[in-house]
Amino acid sequence: KLKNSILTNGGIIHPIIVRSTGPDPYVCIEGNTRLALYTSFVSERLDGDWTSIPALVHGDISEEQIDAIRLQIHLVGTRQWDPYSKAKYLHYLRTQEHMPFEKIVDYCGGRQSEVTEFINAYADMEQHYRPILSDDGAFDATRFSGFVELQKSGIKAAIATANFTLGDFAKWIDEEKLYPLNMVRKL
């Protein structure tokens, strides 16, 4: 996924972190995988300039400071979006910005089925779940996974065959008749 994302972006988004003291001019203390990918791109002669990589350069920092950097990046890190928010943004890119689907998939690291499910689940949730709620305060984004499960093969057909609608499905989700949400698979 990371390789595809870097190739699609034409580079990394987050710089690696290096230390510039000691016998080696630079020692990578964070971002080894990204650095290894750049090195492999050079040896594979892939299109693009892979001979330099964005980096934050630290001078004389202690091992404790290096540990603190690694802990902050890997244990605290930036906060990921919840699945509903991810889907909302994917849907926006596809339907409002008209970004080509293949490009969206490349940016996400190459899982076409997951991107498709998220975009379709978001659309179904907005079209069928949001309208049945009394107000926006009643909206529960944690119900999104039920709409992701709805995208699995045969689920919508099973609902229609039983003479129900996606509006009925949204009511079942709202009323917690399908709980836990992976129970949708049994439809």
C-alpha atoms as a PDB file:
ATOM      1  CA  LYS A   1       0.000   0.000   0.000  1.00  0.00           C
ATOM      2  CA  LEU A   2       2.732   2.447   0.942  1.00  0.00           C
ATOM      3  CA  LYS A   3       4.656   1.769  -2.270  1.00  0.00           C
ATOM      4  CA  ASN A   4       1.577   2.425  -4.420  1.00  0.00           C
ATOM      5  CA  SER A   5       0.729   5.560  -2.479  1.00  0.00           C
ATOM      6  CA  ILE A   6       4.258   7.002  -2.831  1.00  0.00           C
ATOM      7  CA  LEU A   7       4.321   6.252  -6.562  1.00  0.00           C
ATOM      8  CA  THR A   8       0.886   7.830  -7.065  1.00  0.00           C
ATOM      9  CA  ASN A   9       1.835  10.938  -5.059  1.00  0.00           C
ATOM     10  CA  GLY A  10       5.235  11.207  -6.697  1.00  0.00           C
ATOM     11  CA  GLY A  11       6.840  11.187  -3.259  1.00  0.00           C
ATOM     12  CA  ILE A  12       6.229  10.908   0.447  1.00  0.00           C
ATOM     13  CA  ILE A  13       3.897  13.156   2.397  1.00  0.00           C
ATOM     14  CA  HIS A  14       5.615  12.816   5.781  1.00  0.00           C
ATOM     15  CA  PRO A  15       9.374  13.422   5.778  1.00  0.00           C
ATOM     16  CA  ILE A  16      11.684  10.834   7.251  1.00  0.00           C
ATOM     17  CA  ILE A  17      13.712  11.819  10.325  1.00  0.00           C
ATOM     18  CA  VAL A  18      17.502  11.571  10.283  1.00  0.00           C
ATOM     19  CA  ARG A  19      20.386  12.317  12.628  1.00  0.00           C
ATOM     20  CA  SER A  20      23.449  14.018  11.193  1.00  0.00           C
ATOM     21  CA  THR A  21      26.127  13.193  13.765  1.00  0.00           C
ATOM     22  CA  GLY A  22      28.583  10.337  13.956  1.00  0.00           C
ATOM     23  CA  PRO A  23      30.681   8.640  11.288  1.00  0.00           C
ATOM     24  CA  ASP A  24      27.838   8.391   8.751  1.00  0.00           C
ATOM     25  CA  PRO A  25      26.619  11.673   7.270  1.00  0.00           C
ATOM     26  CA  TYR A  26      22.981  10.774   8.038  1.00  0.00           C
ATOM     27  CA  VAL A  27      21.371   7.944   9.948  1.00  0.00           C
ATOM     28  CA  CYS A  28      17.650   7.360   9.474  1.00  0.00           C
ATOM     29  CA  ILE A  29      15.957   7.186  12.859  1.00  0.00           C
ATOM     30  CA  GLU A  30      12.380   7.175  11.571  1.00  0.00           C
ATOM     31  CA  GLY A  31      11.097   6.290   8.103  1.00  0.00           C
ATOM     32  CA  ASN A  32      13.249   3.308   7.207  1.00  0.00           C
ATOM     33  CA  THR A  33      10.555   1.709   5.039  1.00  0.00           C
ATOM     34  CA  ARG A  34      10.009   4.903   3.068  1.00  0.00           C
ATOM     35  CA  LEU A  35      13.761   5.276   2.609  1.00  0.00           C
ATOM     36  CA  ALA A  36      14.073   1.637   1.483  1.00  0.00           C
ATOM     37  CA  LEU A  37      11.284   2.171  -1.056  1.00  0.00           C
ATOM     38  CA  TYR A  38      13.042   5.240  -2.493  1.00  0.00           C
ATOM     39  CA  THR A  39      16.241   3.191  -2.765  1.00  0.00           C
ATOM     40  CA  SER A  40      14.377   0.380  -4.530  1.00  0.00           C
ATOM     41  CA  PHE A  41      12.755   2.868  -6.929  1.00  0.00           C
ATOM     42  CA  VAL A  42      16.234   4.069  -7.925  1.00  0.00           C
ATOM     43  CA  SER A  43      17.517   0.527  -8.486  1.00  0.00           C
ATOM     44  CA  GLU A  44      14.356  -0.394 -10.431  1.00  0.00           C
ATOM     45  CA  ARG A  45      14.761   2.812 -12.473  1.00  0.00           C
ATOM     46  CA  LEU A  46      11.163   3.851 -11.935  1.00  0.00           C
ATOM     47  CA  ASP A  47      10.006   7.155 -13.391  1.00  0.00           C
ATOM     48  CA  GLY A  48      10.536  10.075 -11.042  1.00  0.00           C
ATOM     49  CA  ASP A  49      13.304  11.561  -8.947  1.00  0.00           C
ATOM     50  CA  TRP A  50      13.961   9.090  -6.159  1.00  0.00           C
ATOM     51  CA  THR A  51      17.534  10.224  -5.469  1.00  0.00           C
ATOM     52  CA  SER A  52      16.555  12.584  -2.656  1.00  0.00           C
ATOM     53  CA  ILE A  53      13.890  12.248   0.012  1.00  0.00           C
ATOM     54  CA  PRO A  54      12.256  14.918   2.197  1.00  0.00           C
ATOM     55  CA  ALA A  55      13.744  14.696   5.690  1.00  0.00           C
ATOM     56  CA  LEU A  56      13.795  16.445   9.041  1.00  0.00           C
ATOM     57  CA  VAL A  57      17.432  16.607  10.077  1.00  0.00           C
ATOM     58  CA  HIS A  58      18.414  16.555  13.732  1.00  0.00           C
ATOM     59  CA  GLY A  59      21.921  17.291  14.891  1.00  0.00           C
ATOM     60  CA  ASP A  60      23.219  15.872  18.118  1.00  0.00           C
ATOM     61  CA  ILE A  61      20.198  14.249  19.773  1.00  0.00           C
ATOM     62  CA  SER A  62      20.305  11.650  22.501  1.00  0.00           C
ATOM     63  CA  GLU A  63      19.104   8.060  22.295  1.00  0.00           C
ATOM     64  CA  GLU A  64      16.333   9.066  24.703  1.00  0.00           C
ATOM     65  CA  GLN A  65      15.171  11.774  22.275  1.00  0.00           C
ATOM     66  CA  ILE A  66      15.265   9.260  19.423  1.00  0.00           C
ATOM     67  CA  ASP A  67      13.128   6.873  21.493  1.00  0.00           C
ATOM     68  CA  ALA A  68      10.709   9.720  22.260  1.00  0.00           C
ATOM     69  CA  ILE A  69      10.374  10.522  18.530  1.00  0.00           C
ATOM     70  CA  ARG A  70       9.687   6.875  17.664  1.00  0.00           C
ATOM     71  CA  LEU A  71       7.187   6.452  20.505  1.00  0.00           C
ATOM     72  CA  GLN A  72       5.312   9.603  19.571  1.00  0.00           C
ATOM     73  CA  ILE A  73       5.108   8.609  15.920  1.00  0.00           C
ATOM     74  CA  HIS A  74       4.203   4.950  16.388  1.00  0.00           C
ATOM     75  CA  LEU A  75       2.256   4.886  19.649  1.00  0.00           C
ATOM     76  CA  VAL A  76       0.589   8.288  19.759  1.00  0.00           C
ATOM     77  CA  GLY A  77       0.644   9.278  16.094  1.00  0.00           C
ATOM     78  CA  THR A  78      -1.920  11.334  14.305  1.00  0.00           C
ATOM     79  CA  ARG A  79      -5.516  10.417  14.963  1.00  0.00           C
ATOM     80  CA  GLN A  80      -7.037   8.343  12.181  1.00  0.00           C
ATOM     81  CA  TRP A  81     -10.460   9.221  10.889  1.00  0.00           C
ATOM     82  CA  ASP A  82     -13.263   6.898  11.881  1.00  0.00           C
ATOM     83  CA  PRO A  83     -14.587   4.678   9.041  1.00  0.00           C
ATOM     84  CA  TYR A  84     -17.622   6.906   8.387  1.00  0.00           C
ATOM     85  CA  SER A  85     -15.410  10.015   8.016  1.00  0.00           C
ATOM     86  CA  LYS A  86     -13.067   8.138   5.673  1.00  0.00           C
ATOM     87  CA  ALA A  87     -16.028   7.068   3.546  1.00  0.00           C
ATOM     88  CA  LYS A  88     -17.471  10.583   3.520  1.00  0.00           C
ATOM     89  CA  TYR A  89     -14.195  11.956   2.171  1.00  0.00           C
ATOM     90  CA  LEU A  90     -13.840   9.182  -0.429  1.00  0.00           C
ATOM     91  CA  HIS A  91     -17.419   9.846  -1.558  1.00  0.00           C
ATOM     92  CA  TYR A  92     -16.673  13.578  -1.771  1.00  0.00           C
ATOM     93  CA  LEU A  93     -13.541  13.019  -3.868  1.00  0.00           C
ATOM     94  CA  ARG A  94     -15.408  10.743  -6.252  1.00  0.00           C
ATOM     95  CA  THR A  95     -18.732  12.576  -6.593  1.00  0.00           C
ATOM     96  CA  GLN A  96     -17.859  16.242  -5.983  1.00  0.00           C
ATOM     97  CA  GLU A  97     -14.230  16.512  -7.102  1.00  0.00           C
ATOM     98  CA  HIS A  98     -14.727  13.841  -9.804  1.00  0.00           C
ATOM     99  CA  MET A  99     -11.373  12.294  -9.008  1.00  0.00           C
ATOM    100  CA  PRO A 100     -10.839   9.215 -11.164  1.00  0.00           C
ATOM    101  CA  PHE A 101     -11.628   6.066  -9.208  1.00  0.00           C
ATOM    102  CA  GLU A 102      -8.290   4.488 -10.094  1.00  0.00           C
ATOM    103  CA  LYS A 103      -6.456   7.477  -8.627  1.00  0.00           C
ATOM    104  CA  ILE A 104      -8.447   7.292  -5.381  1.00  0.00           C
ATOM    105  CA  VAL A 105      -7.607   3.591  -5.103  1.00  0.00           C
ATOM    106  CA  ASP A 106      -3.923   4.318  -5.751  1.00  0.00           C
ATOM    107  CA  TYR A 107      -3.842   7.015  -3.065  1.00  0.00           C
ATOM    108  CA  CYS A 108      -5.419   4.572  -0.617  1.00  0.00           C
ATOM    109  CA  GLY A 109      -2.868   1.902  -1.379  1.00  0.00           C
ATOM    110  CA  GLY A 110      -4.625  -0.284  -3.904  1.00  0.00           C
ATOM    111  CA  ARG A 111      -7.677  -1.961  -2.264  1.00  0.00           C
ATOM    112  CA  GLN A 112     -10.372  -1.312  -4.856  1.00  0.00           C
ATOM    113  CA  SER A 113     -13.066  -3.428  -3.149  1.00  0.00           C
ATOM    114  CA  GLU A 114     -12.701  -1.581   0.157  1.00  0.00           C
ATOM    115  CA  VAL A 115     -12.846   1.848  -1.480  1.00  0.00           C
ATOM    116  CA  THR A 116     -15.934   0.829  -3.467  1.00  0.00           C
ATOM    117  CA  GLU A 117     -17.641  -0.561  -0.357  1.00  0.00           C
ATOM    118  CA  PHE A 118     -16.913   2.597   1.637  1.00  0.00           C
ATOM    119  CA  ILE A 119     -18.205   4.955  -1.055  1.00  0.00           C
ATOM    120  CA  ASN A 120     -21.373   2.893  -1.611  1.00  0.00           C
ATOM    121  CA  ALA A 121     -21.952   2.381   2.126  1.00  0.00           C
ATOM    122  CA  TYR A 122     -21.694   6.123   2.725  1.00  0.00           C
ATOM    123  CA  ALA A 123     -24.198   6.816  -0.078  1.00  0.00           C
ATOM    124  CA  ASP A 124     -26.644   4.208   1.270  1.00  0.00           C
ATOM    125  CA  MET A 125     -26.320   5.487   4.827  1.00  0.00           C
ATOM    126  CA  GLU A 126     -26.982   9.073   3.760  1.00  0.00           C
ATOM    127  CA  GLN A 127     -29.866   8.097   1.478  1.00  0.00           C
ATOM    128  CA  HIS A 128     -31.657   5.652   3.786  1.00  0.00           C
ATOM    129  CA  TYR A 129     -30.490   6.073   7.403  1.00  0.00           C
ATOM    130  CA  ARG A 130     -30.176   9.832   7.871  1.00  0.00           C
ATOM    131  CA  PRO A 131     -33.750  10.593   6.636  1.00  0.00           C
ATOM    132  CA  ILE A 132     -35.391   8.316   9.230  1.00  0.00           C
ATOM    133  CA  LEU A 133     -33.766  10.105  12.168  1.00  0.00           C
ATOM    134  CA  SER A 134     -35.602  12.758  14.135  1.00  0.00           C
ATOM    135  CA  ASP A 135     -32.657  15.172  13.919  1.00  0.00           C
ATOM    136  CA  ASP A 136     -28.941  15.295  13.153  1.00  0.00           C
ATOM    137  CA  GLY A 137     -28.171  14.767  16.834  1.00  0.00           C
ATOM    138  CA  ALA A 138     -29.591  11.255  16.532  1.00  0.00           C
ATOM    139  CA  PHE A 139     -27.119  10.344  13.783  1.00  0.00           C
ATOM    140  CA  ASP A 140     -24.764   7.595  14.954  1.00  0.00           C
ATOM    141  CA  ALA A 141     -21.686   7.220  12.763  1.00  0.00           C
ATOM    142  CA  THR A 142     -20.807   3.964  14.537  1.00  0.00           C
ATOM    143  CA  ARG A 143     -23.684   2.342  12.621  1.00  0.00           C
ATOM    144  CA  PHE A 144     -21.640   2.759   9.442  1.00  0.00           C
ATOM    145  CA  SER A 145     -20.179  -0.752   9.629  1.00  0.00           C
ATOM    146  CA  GLY A 146     -23.692  -2.159   9.114  1.00  0.00           C
ATOM    147  CA  PHE A 147     -23.873  -0.278   5.829  1.00  0.00           C
ATOM    148  CA  VAL A 148     -20.440  -1.591   4.859  1.00  0.00           C
ATOM    149  CA  GLU A 149     -21.734  -5.132   5.465  1.00  0.00           C
ATOM    150  CA  LEU A 150     -24.753  -4.260   3.304  1.00  0.00           C
ATOM    151  CA  GLN A 151     -22.385  -3.942   0.338  1.00  0.00           C
ATOM    152  CA  LYS A 152     -21.306  -7.603   0.557  1.00  0.00           C
ATOM    153  CA  SER A 153     -22.448  -9.908  -2.204  1.00  0.00           C
ATOM    154  CA  GLY A 154     -26.098 -10.935  -2.084  1.00  0.00           C
ATOM    155  CA  ILE A 155     -27.232  -8.858   0.909  1.00  0.00           C
ATOM    156  CA  LYS A 156     -29.234  -6.238  -0.987  1.00  0.00           C
ATOM    157  CA  ALA A 157     -30.758  -8.955  -3.172  1.00  0.00           C
ATOM    158  CA  ALA A 158     -31.788 -10.938  -0.077  1.00  0.00           C
ATOM    159  CA  ILE A 159     -33.506  -7.868   1.371  1.00  0.00           C
ATOM    160  CA  ALA A 160     -35.381  -7.203  -1.882  1.00  0.00           C
ATOM    161  CA  THR A 161     -36.311 -10.889  -2.323  1.00  0.00           C
ATOM    162  CA  ALA A 162     -37.915 -10.824   1.122  1.00  0.00           C
ATOM    163  CA  ASN A 163     -39.959  -7.771   0.001  1.00  0.00           C
ATOM    164  CA  PHE A 164     -38.106  -5.303   2.191  1.00  0.00           C
ATOM    165  CA  THR A 165     -36.408  -2.058   1.197  1.00  0.00           C
ATOM    166  CA  LEU A 166     -33.168  -0.354   2.118  1.00  0.00           C
ATOM    167  CA  GLY A 167     -35.336   2.017   4.148  1.00  0.00           C
ATOM    168  CA  ASP A 168     -36.450  -1.002   6.188  1.00  0.00           C
ATOM    169  CA  PHE A 169     -32.816  -2.000   6.565  1.00  0.00           C
ATOM    170  CA  ALA A 170     -31.967   1.492   7.861  1.00  0.00           C
ATOM    171  CA  LYS A 171     -34.772   1.189  10.448  1.00  0.00           C
ATOM    172  CA  TRP A 172     -33.411  -2.194  11.589  1.00  0.00           C
ATOM    173  CA  ILE A 173     -29.987  -0.594  12.022  1.00  0.00           C
ATOM    174  CA  ASP A 174     -31.475   2.349  13.918  1.00  0.00           C
ATOM    175  CA  GLU A 175     -33.592   0.115  16.150  1.00  0.00           C
ATOM    176  CA  GLU A 176     -30.625  -2.222  16.747  1.00  0.00           C
ATOM    177  CA  LYS A 177     -32.508  -5.216  15.363  1.00  0.00           C
ATOM    178  CA  LEU A 178     -29.247  -6.159  13.674  1.00  0.00           C
ATOM    179  CA  TYR A 179     -26.789  -6.217  16.532  1.00  0.00           C
ATOM    180  CA  PRO A 180     -23.905  -6.637  16.531  1.00  0.00           C
ATOM    181  CA  LEU A 181     -23.697  -5.037  13.115  1.00  0.00           C
ATOM    182  CA  ASN A 182     -21.846  -7.962  11.549  1.00  0.00           C
ATOM    183  CA  MET A 183     -25.203  -9.816  11.840  1.00  0.00           C
ATOM    184  CA  VAL A 184     -26.029  -8.127   8.523  1.00  0.00           C
ATOM    185  CA  ARG A 185     -24.012 -10.956   6.907  1.00  0.00           C
ATOM    186  CA  LYS A 186     -26.718 -13.421   7.932  1.00  0.00           C
ATOM    187  CA  LEU A 187     -29.273 -11.693   5.722  1.00  0.00           C
END
